């Protein structure tokens, strides 16, 4: 859905949050402006790989073409629908899966391990 030729609807998963994003905005900036920060270490220079996002909707053409540097970084992940949020720019409506916050991921893994350990004991 586009309100005009320069603004597009971007849906961020797993939250389901939708935002109208100006054409040419990076996914990294769009997520941050929407209140869904993506953690990075490189400041958006395509070197830390922490901002990987994945297409999950039908429209795979809502992001700018993948550049050579991004392709080298992603390798085979590109074929699975992954992009670097700092490099991919919104050029149409798109639905994306955002990376899990590293702290939340660590807590989730610890809780899963504790749950597995508890089940083993009984």
PDB file of N, CA and C in Angstrom:
ATOM      1  N   UNK A   1       0.838  -1.178   0.000  1.00  0.00           N
ATOM      2  CA  UNK A   1       0.000   0.000   0.000  1.00  0.00           C
ATOM      3  C   UNK A   1       0.878   1.235   0.000  1.00  0.00           C
ATOM      4  N   UNK A   2       0.610   2.159  -0.895  1.00  0.00           N
ATOM      5  CA  UNK A   2       1.372   3.398  -0.978  1.00  0.00           C
ATOM      6  C   UNK A   2       0.409   4.569  -1.019  1.00  0.00           C
ATOM      7  N   UNK A   3       0.677   5.563  -0.166  1.00  0.00           N
ATOM      8  CA  UNK A   3      -0.179   6.740  -0.178  1.00  0.00           C
ATOM      9  C   UNK A   3       0.189   7.659  -1.333  1.00  0.00           C
ATOM     10  N   UNK A   4       1.420   7.618  -1.768  1.00  0.00           N
ATOM     11  CA  UNK A   4       1.877   8.318  -2.963  1.00  0.00           C
ATOM     12  C   UNK A   4       3.103   7.590  -3.470  1.00  0.00           C
ATOM     13  N   UNK A   5       3.786   8.156  -4.440  1.00  0.00           N
ATOM     14  CA  UNK A   5       4.924   7.465  -5.039  1.00  0.00           C
ATOM     15  C   UNK A   5       6.165   7.445  -4.159  1.00  0.00           C
ATOM     16  N   UNK A   6       6.153   8.124  -3.029  1.00  0.00           N
ATOM     17  CA  UNK A   6       7.362   8.231  -2.222  1.00  0.00           C
ATOM     18  C   UNK A   6       7.253   7.640  -0.823  1.00  0.00           C
ATOM     19  N   UNK A   7       6.095   7.109  -0.445  1.00  0.00           N
ATOM     20  CA  UNK A   7       5.898   6.563   0.897  1.00  0.00           C
ATOM     21  C   UNK A   7       5.250   5.186   0.782  1.00  0.00           C
ATOM     22  N   UNK A   8       5.828   4.198   1.511  1.00  0.00           N
ATOM     23  CA  UNK A   8       5.355   2.821   1.406  1.00  0.00           C
ATOM     24  C   UNK A   8       5.150   2.199   2.782  1.00  0.00           C
ATOM     25  N   UNK A   9       4.250   1.230   2.831  1.00  0.00           N
ATOM     26  CA  UNK A   9       3.990   0.521   4.081  1.00  0.00           C
ATOM     27  C   UNK A   9       5.025  -0.588   4.279  1.00  0.00           C
ATOM     28  N   UNK A  10       5.668  -0.546   5.435  1.00  0.00           N
ATOM     29  CA  UNK A  10       6.622  -1.585   5.808  1.00  0.00           C
ATOM     30  C   UNK A  10       6.078  -2.252   7.065  1.00  0.00           C
ATOM     31  N   UNK A  11       5.981  -3.573   7.032  1.00  0.00           N
ATOM     32  CA  UNK A  11       5.522  -4.346   8.177  1.00  0.00           C
ATOM     33  C   UNK A  11       6.727  -5.045   8.789  1.00  0.00           C
ATOM     34  N   UNK A  12       6.909  -4.840  10.091  1.00  0.00           N
ATOM     35  CA  UNK A  12       8.035  -5.420  10.810  1.00  0.00           C
ATOM     36  C   UNK A  12       7.541  -6.576  11.670  1.00  0.00           C
ATOM     37  N   UNK A  13       8.113  -7.744  11.462  1.00  0.00           N
ATOM     38  CA  UNK A  13       7.808  -8.920  12.265  1.00  0.00           C
ATOM     39  C   UNK A  13       8.965  -9.157  13.226  1.00  0.00           C
ATOM     40  N   UNK A  14       8.811  -9.762  14.353  1.00  0.00           N
ATOM     41  CA  UNK A  14       7.618 -10.468  14.790  1.00  0.00           C
ATOM     42  C   UNK A  14       6.566  -9.578  15.449  1.00  0.00           C
ATOM     43  N   UNK A  15       6.792  -8.280  15.564  1.00  0.00           N
ATOM     44  CA  UNK A  15       5.852  -7.408  16.271  1.00  0.00           C
ATOM     45  C   UNK A  15       4.566  -7.155  15.489  1.00  0.00           C
ATOM     46  N   UNK A  16       4.621  -7.244  14.167  1.00  0.00           N
ATOM     47  CA  UNK A  16       3.463  -6.921  13.343  1.00  0.00           C
ATOM     48  C   UNK A  16       3.268  -5.422  13.171  1.00  0.00           C
ATOM     49  N   UNK A  17       4.198  -4.645  13.680  1.00  0.00           N
ATOM     50  CA  UNK A  17       4.105  -3.192  13.611  1.00  0.00           C
ATOM     51  C   UNK A  17       4.265  -2.728  12.169  1.00  0.00           C
ATOM     52  N   UNK A  18       3.393  -1.805  11.767  1.00  0.00           N
ATOM     53  CA  UNK A  18       3.428  -1.266  10.409  1.00  0.00           C
ATOM     54  C   UNK A  18       3.755   0.214  10.466  1.00  0.00           C
ATOM     55  N   UNK A  19       4.457   0.678   9.450  1.00  0.00           N
ATOM     56  CA  UNK A  19       4.815   2.088   9.391  1.00  0.00           C
ATOM     57  C   UNK A  19       4.859   2.525   7.936  1.00  0.00           C
ATOM     58  N   UNK A  20       4.536   3.776   7.711  1.00  0.00           N
ATOM     59  CA  UNK A  20       4.680   4.368   6.395  1.00  0.00           C
ATOM     60  C   UNK A  20       6.082   4.968   6.328  1.00  0.00           C
ATOM     61  N   UNK A  21       6.864   4.484   5.381  1.00  0.00           N
ATOM     62  CA  UNK A  21       8.279   4.829   5.293  1.00  0.00           C
ATOM     63  C   UNK A  21       8.576   5.498   3.949  1.00  0.00           C
ATOM     64  N   UNK A  22       9.348   6.558   4.019  1.00  0.00           N
ATOM     65  CA  UNK A  22       9.725   7.304   2.819  1.00  0.00           C
ATOM     66  C   UNK A  22      10.683   6.482   1.954  1.00  0.00           C
ATOM     67  N   UNK A  23      10.457   6.505   0.668  1.00  0.00           N
ATOM     68  CA  UNK A  23      11.304   5.803  -0.303  1.00  0.00           C
ATOM     69  C   UNK A  23      12.765   6.226  -0.105  1.00  0.00           C
ATOM     70  N   UNK A  24      13.667   5.235  -0.126  1.00  0.00           N
ATOM     71  CA  UNK A  24      15.088   5.498  -0.019  1.00  0.00           C
ATOM     72  C   UNK A  24      15.624   5.407   1.408  1.00  0.00           C
ATOM     73  N   UNK A  25      14.735   5.244   2.386  1.00  0.00           N
ATOM     74  CA  UNK A  25      15.155   5.085   3.781  1.00  0.00           C
ATOM     75  C   UNK A  25      15.694   3.674   3.978  1.00  0.00           C
ATOM     76  N   UNK A  26      16.820   3.540   4.671  1.00  0.00           N
ATOM     77  CA  UNK A  26      17.331   2.188   4.931  1.00  0.00           C
ATOM     78  C   UNK A  26      16.393   1.478   5.904  1.00  0.00           C
ATOM     79  N   UNK A  27      16.379   0.175   5.845  1.00  0.00           N
ATOM     80  CA  UNK A  27      15.573  -0.617   6.766  1.00  0.00           C
ATOM     81  C   UNK A  27      16.022  -0.356   8.200  1.00  0.00           C
ATOM     82  N   UNK A  28      17.321  -0.202   8.403  1.00  0.00           N
ATOM     83  CA  UNK A  28      17.859   0.092   9.731  1.00  0.00           C
ATOM     84  C   UNK A  28      17.246   1.379  10.281  1.00  0.00           C
ATOM     85  N   UNK A  29      17.258   2.446   9.495  1.00  0.00           N
ATOM     86  CA  UNK A  29      16.673   3.719   9.934  1.00  0.00           C
ATOM     87  C   UNK A  29      15.156   3.625  10.083  1.00  0.00           C
ATOM     88  N   UNK A  30      14.513   2.904   9.176  1.00  0.00           N
ATOM     89  CA  UNK A  30      13.056   2.768   9.239  1.00  0.00           C
ATOM     90  C   UNK A  30      12.638   2.054  10.523  1.00  0.00           C
ATOM     91  N   UNK A  31      13.337   0.989  10.868  1.00  0.00           N
ATOM     92  CA  UNK A  31      13.015   0.248  12.096  1.00  0.00           C
ATOM     93  C   UNK A  31      13.231   1.131  13.315  1.00  0.00           C
ATOM     94  N   UNK A  32      14.328   1.842  13.339  1.00  0.00           N
ATOM     95  CA  UNK A  32      14.621   2.719  14.480  1.00  0.00           C
ATOM     96  C   UNK A  32      13.580   3.815  14.616  1.00  0.00           C
ATOM     97  N   UNK A  33      13.181   4.397  13.521  1.00  0.00           N
ATOM     98  CA  UNK A  33      12.164   5.463  13.555  1.00  0.00           C
ATOM     99  C   UNK A  33      10.810   4.936  13.985  1.00  0.00           C
ATOM    100  N   UNK A  34      10.602   3.654  13.796  1.00  0.00           N
ATOM    101  CA  UNK A  34       9.342   3.020  14.165  1.00  0.00           C
ATOM    102  C   UNK A  34       9.362   2.562  15.618  1.00  0.00           C
ATOM    103  N   UNK A  35      10.503   2.723  16.284  1.00  0.00           N
ATOM    104  CA  UNK A  35      10.621   2.301  17.676  1.00  0.00           C
ATOM    105  C   UNK A  35      11.048   0.858  17.831  1.00  0.00           C
ATOM    106  N   UNK A  36      11.598   0.287  16.775  1.00  0.00           N
ATOM    107  CA  UNK A  36      12.069  -1.100  16.790  1.00  0.00           C
ATOM    108  C   UNK A  36      13.558  -1.097  16.482  1.00  0.00           C
ATOM    109  N   UNK A  37      14.373  -0.748  17.456  1.00  0.00           N
ATOM    110  CA  UNK A  37      15.799  -0.616  17.177  1.00  0.00           C
ATOM    111  C   UNK A  37      16.460  -1.933  16.805  1.00  0.00           C
ATOM    112  N   UNK A  38      17.353  -1.840  15.837  1.00  0.00           N
ATOM    113  CA  UNK A  38      18.182  -2.967  15.446  1.00  0.00           C
ATOM    114  C   UNK A  38      19.580  -2.652  15.957  1.00  0.00           C
ATOM    115  N   UNK A  39      20.150  -3.578  16.718  1.00  0.00           N
ATOM    116  CA  UNK A  39      21.475  -3.376  17.279  1.00  0.00           C
ATOM    117  C   UNK A  39      22.528  -3.549  16.186  1.00  0.00           C
ATOM    118  N   UNK A  40      23.495  -2.637  16.150  1.00  0.00           N
ATOM    119  CA  UNK A  40      24.638  -2.763  15.243  1.00  0.00           C
ATOM    120  C   UNK A  40      25.899  -2.367  15.989  1.00  0.00           C
ATOM    121  N   UNK A  41      27.013  -2.834  15.491  1.00  0.00           N
ATOM    122  CA  UNK A  41      28.302  -2.445  16.061  1.00  0.00           C
ATOM    123  C   UNK A  41      29.089  -1.573  15.096  1.00  0.00           C
ATOM    124  N   UNK A  42      28.747  -1.620  13.830  1.00  0.00           N
ATOM    125  CA  UNK A  42      29.546  -0.939  12.817  1.00  0.00           C
ATOM    126  C   UNK A  42      28.983   0.422  12.419  1.00  0.00           C
ATOM    127  N   UNK A  43      27.854   0.807  12.993  1.00  0.00           N
ATOM    128  CA  UNK A  43      27.270   2.097  12.643  1.00  0.00           C
ATOM    129  C   UNK A  43      26.682   2.135  11.243  1.00  0.00           C
ATOM    130  N   UNK A  44      26.279   0.996  10.725  1.00  0.00           N
ATOM    131  CA  UNK A  44      25.647   0.955   9.406  1.00  0.00           C
ATOM    132  C   UNK A  44      26.621   0.896   8.249  1.00  0.00           C
ATOM    133  N   UNK A  45      27.794   0.351   8.466  1.00  0.00           N
ATOM    134  CA  UNK A  45      28.840   0.278   7.436  1.00  0.00           C
ATOM    135  C   UNK A  45      28.937  -1.108   6.781  1.00  0.00           C
ATOM    136  N   UNK A  46      27.965  -1.960   7.021  1.00  0.00           N
ATOM    137  CA  UNK A  46      27.908  -3.300   6.414  1.00  0.00           C
ATOM    138  C   UNK A  46      29.070  -4.191   6.818  1.00  0.00           C
ATOM    139  N   UNK A  47      29.514  -4.085   8.069  1.00  0.00           N
ATOM    140  CA  UNK A  47      30.630  -4.944   8.458  1.00  0.00           C
ATOM    141  C   UNK A  47      30.326  -5.877   9.623  1.00  0.00           C
ATOM    142  N   UNK A  48      29.349  -5.559  10.474  1.00  0.00           N
ATOM    143  CA  UNK A  48      29.130  -6.397  11.656  1.00  0.00           C
ATOM    144  C   UNK A  48      28.092  -7.501  11.430  1.00  0.00           C
ATOM    145  N   UNK A  49      27.273  -7.391  10.415  1.00  0.00           N
ATOM    146  CA  UNK A  49      26.254  -8.387  10.065  1.00  0.00           C
ATOM    147  C   UNK A  49      25.152  -8.543  11.114  1.00  0.00           C
ATOM    148  N   UNK A  50      25.076  -7.646  12.090  1.00  0.00           N
ATOM    149  CA  UNK A  50      24.060  -7.757  13.137  1.00  0.00           C
ATOM    150  C   UNK A  50      22.684  -7.293  12.674  1.00  0.00           C
ATOM    151  N   UNK A  51      22.619  -6.574  11.570  1.00  0.00           N
ATOM    152  CA  UNK A  51      21.349  -5.987  11.131  1.00  0.00           C
ATOM    153  C   UNK A  51      20.655  -6.815  10.054  1.00  0.00           C
ATOM    154  N   UNK A  52      20.979  -8.115   9.983  1.00  0.00           N
ATOM    155  CA  UNK A  52      20.339  -8.962   8.975  1.00  0.00           C
ATOM    156  C   UNK A  52      18.827  -8.991   9.181  1.00  0.00           C
ATOM    157  N   UNK A  53      18.092  -8.722   8.117  1.00  0.00           N
ATOM    158  CA  UNK A  53      16.640  -8.843   8.107  1.00  0.00           C
ATOM    159  C   UNK A  53      16.290  -9.857   7.027  1.00  0.00           C
ATOM    160  N   UNK A  54      15.056 -10.360   7.063  1.00  0.00           N
ATOM    161  CA  UNK A  54      14.645 -11.369   6.079  1.00  0.00           C
ATOM    162  C   UNK A  54      13.264 -11.021   5.550  1.00  0.00           C
ATOM    163  N   UNK A  55      13.097 -11.153   4.239  1.00  0.00           N
ATOM    164  CA  UNK A  55      11.771 -10.989   3.636  1.00  0.00           C
ATOM    165  C   UNK A  55      10.859 -12.095   4.160  1.00  0.00           C
ATOM    166  N   UNK A  56       9.654 -11.751   4.541  1.00  0.00           N
ATOM    167  CA  UNK A  56       8.711 -12.792   4.944  1.00  0.00           C
ATOM    168  C   UNK A  56       7.392 -12.663   4.209  1.00  0.00           C
ATOM    169  N   UNK A  57       7.182 -11.585   3.513  1.00  0.00           N
ATOM    170  CA  UNK A  57       5.938 -11.390   2.778  1.00  0.00           C
ATOM    171  C   UNK A  57       6.088 -11.799   1.326  1.00  0.00           C
ATOM    172  N   UNK A  58       5.057 -11.536   0.585  1.00  0.00           N
ATOM    173  CA  UNK A  58       5.049 -11.899  -0.834  1.00  0.00           C
ATOM    174  C   UNK A  58       5.881 -10.950  -1.686  1.00  0.00           C
ATOM    175  N   UNK A  59       5.917  -9.659  -1.319  1.00  0.00           N
ATOM    176  CA  UNK A  59       6.606  -8.677  -2.150  1.00  0.00           C
ATOM    177  C   UNK A  59       8.102  -8.664  -1.861  1.00  0.00           C
ATOM    178  N   UNK A  60       8.871  -9.269  -2.724  1.00  0.00           N
ATOM    179  CA  UNK A  60      10.328  -9.287  -2.578  1.00  0.00           C
ATOM    180  C   UNK A  60      10.970  -8.111  -3.311  1.00  0.00           C
ATOM    181  N   UNK A  61      10.155  -7.254  -3.896  1.00  0.00           N
ATOM    182  CA  UNK A  61      10.686  -6.137  -4.667  1.00  0.00           C
ATOM    183  C   UNK A  61      10.510  -4.812  -3.942  1.00  0.00           C
ATOM    184  N   UNK A  62      10.250  -4.868  -2.643  1.00  0.00           N
ATOM    185  CA  UNK A  62      10.060  -3.653  -1.861  1.00  0.00           C
ATOM    186  C   UNK A  62      11.358  -3.056  -1.350  1.00  0.00           C
ATOM    187  N   UNK A  63      12.471  -3.726  -1.657  1.00  0.00           N
ATOM    188  CA  UNK A  63      13.778  -3.227  -1.225  1.00  0.00           C
ATOM    189  C   UNK A  63      14.673  -2.999  -2.441  1.00  0.00           C
ATOM    190  N   UNK A  64      15.621  -2.096  -2.271  1.00  0.00           N
ATOM    191  CA  UNK A  64      16.573  -1.784  -3.340  1.00  0.00           C
ATOM    192  C   UNK A  64      17.359  -3.036  -3.728  1.00  0.00           C
ATOM    193  N   UNK A  65      17.914  -3.037  -4.938  1.00  0.00           N
ATOM    194  CA  UNK A  65      18.739  -4.178  -5.352  1.00  0.00           C
ATOM    195  C   UNK A  65      19.929  -4.366  -4.416  1.00  0.00           C
ATOM    196  N   UNK A  66      20.380  -5.598  -4.298  1.00  0.00           N
ATOM    197  CA  UNK A  66      21.506  -5.928  -3.431  1.00  0.00           C
ATOM    198  C   UNK A  66      22.809  -5.546  -4.119  1.00  0.00           C
ATOM    199  N   UNK A  67      23.635  -4.770  -3.415  1.00  0.00           N
ATOM    200  CA  UNK A  67      24.931  -4.359  -3.953  1.00  0.00           C
ATOM    201  C   UNK A  67      25.974  -5.455  -3.810  1.00  0.00           C
ATOM    202  N   UNK A  68      27.087  -5.290  -4.515  1.00  0.00           N
ATOM    203  CA  UNK A  68      28.158  -6.295  -4.503  1.00  0.00           C
ATOM    204  C   UNK A  68      28.727  -6.520  -3.106  1.00  0.00           C
ATOM    205  N   UNK A  69      28.977  -5.451  -2.359  1.00  0.00           N
ATOM    206  CA  UNK A  69      29.535  -5.578  -1.014  1.00  0.00           C
ATOM    207  C   UNK A  69      28.578  -6.361  -0.111  1.00  0.00           C
ATOM    208  N   UNK A  70      27.297  -6.049  -0.209  1.00  0.00           N
ATOM    209  CA  UNK A  70      26.301  -6.757   0.597  1.00  0.00           C
ATOM    210  C   UNK A  70      26.230  -8.227   0.207  1.00  0.00           C
ATOM    211  N   UNK A  71      26.283  -8.518  -1.084  1.00  0.00           N
ATOM    212  CA  UNK A  71      26.268  -9.908  -1.549  1.00  0.00           C
ATOM    213  C   UNK A  71      27.458 -10.685  -1.005  1.00  0.00           C
ATOM    214  N   UNK A  72      28.629 -10.066  -1.006  1.00  0.00           N
ATOM    215  CA  UNK A  72      29.824 -10.732  -0.467  1.00  0.00           C
ATOM    216  C   UNK A  72      29.647 -11.030   1.018  1.00  0.00           C
ATOM    217  N   UNK A  73      29.089 -10.091   1.745  1.00  0.00           N
ATOM    218  CA  UNK A  73      28.894 -10.275   3.188  1.00  0.00           C
ATOM    219  C   UNK A  73      27.879 -11.371   3.476  1.00  0.00           C
ATOM    220  N   UNK A  74      26.776 -11.367   2.748  1.00  0.00           N
ATOM    221  CA  UNK A  74      25.688 -12.314   3.023  1.00  0.00           C
ATOM    222  C   UNK A  74      25.955 -13.711   2.501  1.00  0.00           C
ATOM    223  N   UNK A  75      26.704 -13.825   1.444  1.00  0.00           N
ATOM    224  CA  UNK A  75      26.945 -15.140   0.852  1.00  0.00           C
ATOM    225  C   UNK A  75      25.622 -15.806   0.495  1.00  0.00           C
ATOM    226  N   UNK A  76      25.473 -17.068   0.871  1.00  0.00           N
ATOM    227  CA  UNK A  76      24.273 -17.841   0.557  1.00  0.00           C
ATOM    228  C   UNK A  76      23.015 -17.384   1.276  1.00  0.00           C
ATOM    229  N   UNK A  77      23.169 -16.586   2.320  1.00  0.00           N
ATOM    230  CA  UNK A  77      21.991 -16.098   3.042  1.00  0.00           C
ATOM    231  C   UNK A  77      21.098 -15.233   2.150  1.00  0.00           C
ATOM    232  N   UNK A  78      21.714 -14.601   1.161  1.00  0.00           N
ATOM    233  CA  UNK A  78      20.926 -13.757   0.250  1.00  0.00           C
ATOM    234  C   UNK A  78      19.853 -14.577  -0.465  1.00  0.00           C
ATOM    235  N   UNK A  79      20.193 -15.800  -0.834  1.00  0.00           N
ATOM    236  CA  UNK A  79      19.238 -16.673  -1.530  1.00  0.00           C
ATOM    237  C   UNK A  79      18.071 -17.068  -0.623  1.00  0.00           C
ATOM    238  N   UNK A  80      18.251 -16.956   0.690  1.00  0.00           N
ATOM    239  CA  UNK A  80      17.199 -17.281   1.652  1.00  0.00           C
ATOM    240  C   UNK A  80      16.365 -16.052   2.010  1.00  0.00           C
ATOM    241  N   UNK A  81      16.595 -14.938   1.318  1.00  0.00           N
ATOM    242  CA  UNK A  81      15.800 -13.737   1.548  1.00  0.00           C
ATOM    243  C   UNK A  81      16.395 -12.755   2.538  1.00  0.00           C
ATOM    244  N   UNK A  82      17.633 -12.970   2.957  1.00  0.00           N
ATOM    245  CA  UNK A  82      18.265 -12.067   3.920  1.00  0.00           C
ATOM    246  C   UNK A  82      18.858 -10.850   3.225  1.00  0.00           C
ATOM    247  N   UNK A  83      18.811  -9.742   3.934  1.00  0.00           N
ATOM    248  CA  UNK A  83      19.441  -8.485   3.510  1.00  0.00           C
ATOM    249  C   UNK A  83      20.061  -7.830   4.735  1.00  0.00           C
ATOM    250  N   UNK A  84      20.988  -6.928   4.511  1.00  0.00           N
ATOM    251  CA  UNK A  84      21.533  -6.127   5.593  1.00  0.00           C
ATOM    252  C   UNK A  84      20.673  -4.878   5.721  1.00  0.00           C
ATOM    253  N   UNK A  85      20.122  -4.670   6.909  1.00  0.00           N
ATOM    254  CA  UNK A  85      19.231  -3.536   7.131  1.00  0.00           C
ATOM    255  C   UNK A  85      19.889  -2.195   6.898  1.00  0.00           C
ATOM    256  N   UNK A  86      21.205  -2.134   7.072  1.00  0.00           N
ATOM    257  CA  UNK A  86      21.916  -0.869   6.870  1.00  0.00           C
ATOM    258  C   UNK A  86      22.135  -0.569   5.391  1.00  0.00           C
ATOM    259  N   UNK A  87      21.977  -1.563   4.527  1.00  0.00           N
ATOM    260  CA  UNK A  87      22.210  -1.383   3.100  1.00  0.00           C
ATOM    261  C   UNK A  87      20.925  -1.400   2.283  1.00  0.00           C
ATOM    262  N   UNK A  88      19.943  -2.181   2.702  1.00  0.00           N
ATOM    263  CA  UNK A  88      18.686  -2.308   1.969  1.00  0.00           C
ATOM    264  C   UNK A  88      17.835  -1.065   2.181  1.00  0.00           C
ATOM    265  N   UNK A  89      17.365  -0.487   1.084  1.00  0.00           N
ATOM    266  CA  UNK A  89      16.524   0.707   1.151  1.00  0.00           C
ATOM    267  C   UNK A  89      15.108   0.376   0.707  1.00  0.00           C
ATOM    268  N   UNK A  90      14.154   1.011   1.346  1.00  0.00           N
ATOM    269  CA  UNK A  90      12.744   0.819   1.019  1.00  0.00           C
ATOM    270  C   UNK A  90      12.460   1.474  -0.326  1.00  0.00           C
ATOM    271  N   UNK A  91      11.921   0.684  -1.269  1.00  0.00           N
ATOM    272  CA  UNK A  91      11.502   1.231  -2.559  1.00  0.00           C
ATOM    273  C   UNK A  91      10.075   0.807  -2.898  1.00  0.00           C
ATOM    274  N   UNK A  92       9.435   0.093  -1.964  1.00  0.00           N
ATOM    275  CA  UNK A  92       8.062  -0.356  -2.135  1.00  0.00           C
ATOM    276  C   UNK A  92       7.575  -0.962  -0.829  1.00  0.00           C
ATOM    277  N   UNK A  93       6.322  -1.339  -0.791  1.00  0.00           N
ATOM    278  CA  UNK A  93       5.779  -1.973   0.412  1.00  0.00           C
ATOM    279  C   UNK A  93       6.436  -3.334   0.592  1.00  0.00           C
ATOM    280  N   UNK A  94       6.722  -3.681   1.850  1.00  0.00           N
ATOM    281  CA  UNK A  94       7.454  -4.919   2.114  1.00  0.00           C
ATOM    282  C   UNK A  94       7.182  -5.369   3.548  1.00  0.00           C
ATOM    283  N   UNK A  95       7.309  -6.676   3.776  1.00  0.00           N
ATOM    284  CA  UNK A  95       7.196  -7.256   5.123  1.00  0.00           C
ATOM    285  C   UNK A  95       8.525  -7.914   5.462  1.00  0.00           C
ATOM    286  N   UNK A  96       9.064  -7.574   6.646  1.00  0.00           N
ATOM    287  CA  UNK A  96      10.394  -8.025   7.025  1.00  0.00           C
ATOM    288  C   UNK A  96      10.418  -8.617   8.423  1.00  0.00           C
ATOM    289  N   UNK A  97      11.244  -9.629   8.610  1.00  0.00           N
ATOM    290  CA  UNK A  97      11.502 -10.198   9.930  1.00  0.00           C
ATOM    291  C   UNK A  97      12.764  -9.526  10.450  1.00  0.00           C
ATOM    292  N   UNK A  98      12.652  -8.877  11.605  1.00  0.00           N
ATOM    293  CA  UNK A  98      13.795  -8.202  12.213  1.00  0.00           C
ATOM    294  C   UNK A  98      14.602  -9.182  13.058  1.00  0.00           C
ATOM    295  N   UNK A  99      15.899  -8.888  13.245  1.00  0.00           N
ATOM    296  CA  UNK A  99      16.708  -9.767  14.094  1.00  0.00           C
ATOM    297  C   UNK A  99      16.300  -9.642  15.552  1.00  0.00           C
ATOM    298  N   UNK A 100      16.489 -10.723  16.269  1.00  0.00           N
ATOM    299  CA  UNK A 100      16.189 -10.721  17.696  1.00  0.00           C
ATOM    300  C   UNK A 100      17.275  -9.934  18.431  1.00  0.00           C
ATOM    301  N   UNK A 101      16.873  -9.123  19.399  1.00  0.00           N
ATOM    302  CA  UNK A 101      17.827  -8.378  20.203  1.00  0.00           C
ATOM    303  C   UNK A 101      18.790  -9.376  20.861  1.00  0.00           C
ATOM    304  N   UNK A 102      20.115  -9.118  20.817  1.00  0.00           N
ATOM    305  CA  UNK A 102      21.080 -10.081  21.363  1.00  0.00           C
ATOM    306  C   UNK A 102      20.863 -10.404  22.841  1.00  0.00           C
ATOM    307  N   UNK A 103      20.494  -9.432  23.640  1.00  0.00           N
ATOM    308  CA  UNK A 103      20.248  -9.692  25.060  1.00  0.00           C
ATOM    309  C   UNK A 103      19.031 -10.587  25.238  1.00  0.00           C
ATOM    310  N   UNK A 104      17.967 -10.296  24.512  1.00  0.00           N
ATOM    311  CA  UNK A 104      16.771 -11.146  24.583  1.00  0.00           C
ATOM    312  C   UNK A 104      17.075 -12.560  24.106  1.00  0.00           C
ATOM    313  N   UNK A 105      17.893 -12.674  23.067  1.00  0.00           N
ATOM    314  CA  UNK A 105      18.258 -14.002  22.554  1.00  0.00           C
ATOM    315  C   UNK A 105      19.015 -14.794  23.611  1.00  0.00           C
ATOM    316  N   UNK A 106      19.941 -14.130  24.311  1.00  0.00           N
ATOM    317  CA  UNK A 106      20.715 -14.814  25.355  1.00  0.00           C
ATOM    318  C   UNK A 106      19.811 -15.267  26.493  1.00  0.00           C
ATOM    319  N   UNK A 107      18.882 -14.407  26.905  1.00  0.00           N
ATOM    320  CA  UNK A 107      17.953 -14.765  27.986  1.00  0.00           C
ATOM    321  C   UNK A 107      17.053 -15.916  27.541  1.00  0.00           C
ATOM    322  N   UNK A 108      16.553 -15.837  26.304  1.00  0.00           N
ATOM    323  CA  UNK A 108      15.682 -16.900  25.788  1.00  0.00           C
ATOM    324  C   UNK A 108      16.418 -18.238  25.780  1.00  0.00           C
ATOM    325  N   UNK A 109      17.675 -18.239  25.335  1.00  0.00           N
ATOM    326  CA  UNK A 109      18.449 -19.485  25.291  1.00  0.00           C
ATOM    327  C   UNK A 109      18.671 -20.048  26.694  1.00  0.00           C
ATOM    328  N   UNK A 110      18.961 -19.179  27.651  1.00  0.00           N
ATOM    329  CA  UNK A 110      19.139 -19.636  29.027  1.00  0.00           C
ATOM    330  C   UNK A 110      17.854 -20.231  29.597  1.00  0.00           C
ATOM    331  N   UNK A 111      16.728 -19.586  29.322  1.00  0.00           N
ATOM    332  CA  UNK A 111      15.440 -20.105  29.792  1.00  0.00           C
ATOM    333  C   UNK A 111      15.111 -21.442  29.144  1.00  0.00           C
ATOM    334  N   UNK A 112      15.403 -21.573  27.846  1.00  0.00           N
ATOM    335  CA  UNK A 112      15.166 -22.845  27.163  1.00  0.00           C
ATOM    336  C   UNK A 112      16.042 -23.950  27.749  1.00  0.00           C
ATOM    337  N   UNK A 113      17.304 -23.614  28.025  1.00  0.00           N
ATOM    338  CA  UNK A 113      18.211 -24.588  28.616  1.00  0.00           C
ATOM    339  C   UNK A 113      17.737 -25.007  30.003  1.00  0.00           C
ATOM    340  N   UNK A 114      17.289 -24.038  30.795  1.00  0.00           N
ATOM    341  CA  UNK A 114      16.785 -24.338  32.130  1.00  0.00           C
ATOM    342  C   UNK A 114      15.555 -25.231  32.033  1.00  0.00           C
ATOM    343  N   UNK A 115      14.662 -24.935  31.084  1.00  0.00           N
ATOM    344  CA  UNK A 115      13.472 -25.745  30.899  1.00  0.00           C
ATOM    345  C   UNK A 115      13.862 -27.180  30.503  1.00  0.00           C
ATOM    346  N   UNK A 116      14.820 -27.316  29.597  1.00  0.00           N
ATOM    347  CA  UNK A 116      15.285 -28.648  29.184  1.00  0.00           C
ATOM    348  C   UNK A 116      15.908 -29.397  30.363  1.00  0.00           C
ATOM    349  N   UNK A 117      16.704 -28.678  31.178  1.00  0.00           N
ATOM    350  CA  UNK A 117      17.322 -29.295  32.348  1.00  0.00           C
ATOM    351  C   UNK A 117      16.278 -29.750  33.355  1.00  0.00           C
ATOM    352  N   UNK A 118      15.247 -28.934  33.561  1.00  0.00           N
ATOM    353  CA  UNK A 118      14.174 -29.292  34.491  1.00  0.00           C
ATOM    354  C   UNK A 118      13.430 -30.532  34.015  1.00  0.00           C
ATOM    355  N   UNK A 119      13.184 -30.619  32.718  1.00  0.00           N
ATOM    356  CA  UNK A 119      12.480 -31.786  32.177  1.00  0.00           C
ATOM    357  C   UNK A 119      13.326 -33.041  32.269  1.00  0.00           C
ATOM    358  N   UNK A 120      14.643 -32.912  32.202  1.00  0.00           N
ATOM    359  CA  UNK A 120      15.542 -34.051  32.298  1.00  0.00           C
ATOM    360  C   UNK A 120      15.548 -34.632  33.710  1.00  0.00           C
ATOM    361  N   UNK A 121      15.418 -33.752  34.678  1.00  0.00           N
ATOM    362  CA  UNK A 121      15.452 -34.198  36.068  1.00  0.00           C
ATOM    363  C   UNK A 121      14.241 -35.040  36.445  1.00  0.00           C
ATOM    364  N   UNK A 122      13.143 -34.815  35.827  1.00  0.00           N
ATOM    365  CA  UNK A 122      11.913 -35.512  36.216  1.00  0.00           C
ATOM    366  C   UNK A 122      11.626 -36.557  35.201  1.00  0.00           C
TER     367      UNK A 122
END
